[in-house]
């Protein structure tokens, strides 16, 4: 059983690993999981899963792809505790997270496109000062 995010990209194959279609096309996720993600060539500019991972090695590759993505586009919608732990119980990577000993749907898993982006911007860490800003 897996959650179907309201913003799930329709190009993804059915299954718990998916994208939202907001990736910046840097090819970092595709480099980590080339057997699972569509290559960004021949007019394809949208990162999406063309195959769900089946082996432990493929699951590792899918998790690495989620972790290297510079925007919160790749996600895991399943409930496997080992995968959620591997992804750091991070609501930007997992639809289900552990809170107070229970598996719950995160806010990010239920958000519309605008709500999701607003949550992402609100959670962004403040930028560090540049070296020249210390003299002001």
Foldseek 3Di string as FASTA:
>chain_A
DFADFPQFDPVADDDFKGWNFPAPQPCPLCVLQVVFWDHCDPPDSTTTGPDDDDDPSNLVSLLSSCVPGPALTIAGGDDPPVSCVSNVQDLSHYQWGDDPNDTDGDPCRHDDPVRNVVVRVVPDDDDDDDPVVVVD
